[in-house]
Structures are given as C-alpha cells and as structure tokens.
Amino acid sequence: MAPRRLPLHLSYRCALALLPPAAITPPLEAVRRERDNYFAHWPPHINLLYPFLKSPSNWEPSEPQGDVRATPPFHVSLICDQPSVVSHHASRKTVWLEPTSRSIHQLQAALQAEFSECNADNWRYRPHLSVGEASSDDGAKKLSSEITKSVSDFLACSAERPLMLDWYVDKVYVMEREGYYDRFEIVGAIDLGQK
C-alpha cells in the first residue's frame, strides 16, 4: 500500500521516536519477528513525531531548542499483561503495549510545539509500541497472549504483580531510512534534561 501524500517538507522516511534499550527488547522482538509486518522496517519504538521533516541527518547540532531539551528524563513502563488492540477494519487489527508515563505526552507536546510544521494530522496522540498485526478478533487475542507470555517468561514473573518492561528515557532518537521500504536507522539523538 502506498503512503498517503504529505506536504512537501515532511517525509515518511523520517521520525522522532523513543527506543527501549536492548536489554528489554528480546521478548518484544521474539513476537515482532513473527507477527509484525513492519519488523524489517522499524526497531521496537514509540513514535513521537511521524512523519517528520525531510533529512534530519543534516540538522545543526543545536536543534532543537527550548522546552524539548529542558524536558527532564523520566521512567516509563510498558504495560504487558493487558495489550491494547486497535481495529483498523474488520480484518486488520494492531496489538500494542501502552506506556504508563504521562511524561511521554508532555515530551510529545513540546516536540509538536517546536516542530509545528509537522502537524499534518489532526489525530489525538496515543503513545504505543506495536507488537504485531492480526486479521481477526481471535487472532488479536492470540497475539496478546503471545506477547504477555513472552514478557512473562523473559522476566520470570509470577502472576501476582503487574507485568511491565521498564526503562529510563533520557533521549529522543532521530530516525531516518533511505527509501520507504528500507529499515529506519538512528541518525541522531536529542538529549533530555539539558537546561
């Protein structure tokens, strides 16, 4: 499926995103490898701005300014015992993990204010980390069970406590890919807490 048309200054080849550290991605990648149609194109991530400005790898090191860099680092947890499902239509569902931190919303709002020209959508921002797609409600339930089990086995958790993957967010990653079907690579980072 071809991407929808964008204003000329934006690109589906560029994004600002949060990336979980490699130490917590094995249970995510085990499921994504088999169930995520976008596994070859994206690392596990939470998008903050996508699509983004063309050619962010050409930025000056001082960009961005203000509230974005002043945003303090924060902890985030992905809720893994109750994955969310969004239904695009009857035969296409996406299963994702939602983060607990409201700080992501504050960071995204600061980025949106800094890069107001990236506001091509009127969608309400809903942070999430996609783990895969399903073609039916039953398939989505099965995928939800798979990711819950994968994380539970990885953490060796008992059922009594909430099942979460935690990490410390201290930077926003600038992502870019060569072509629409290529894999996103890190081309820069914006450090948080730099007043």
Foldseek 3Di string as FASTA:
>chain_A
DDDDDDPPQWDQQKFKWFDFDPVQCPLLLVQLVPFAPCVQAEHFTWTLFPRDGPPPLPDDPPPDDDPLQQLAKDKKKWQQLDWDWDDPDAFKIWTWTAIDDPSSVVNSVVVCVRPVVRPRDPDDDGITTTRHMGGHPVRNVVSSVSSSVSQCVVVVDDPPDGRIDMDIDFKIFIWGADDNSHYIDTSDIRGHNPD
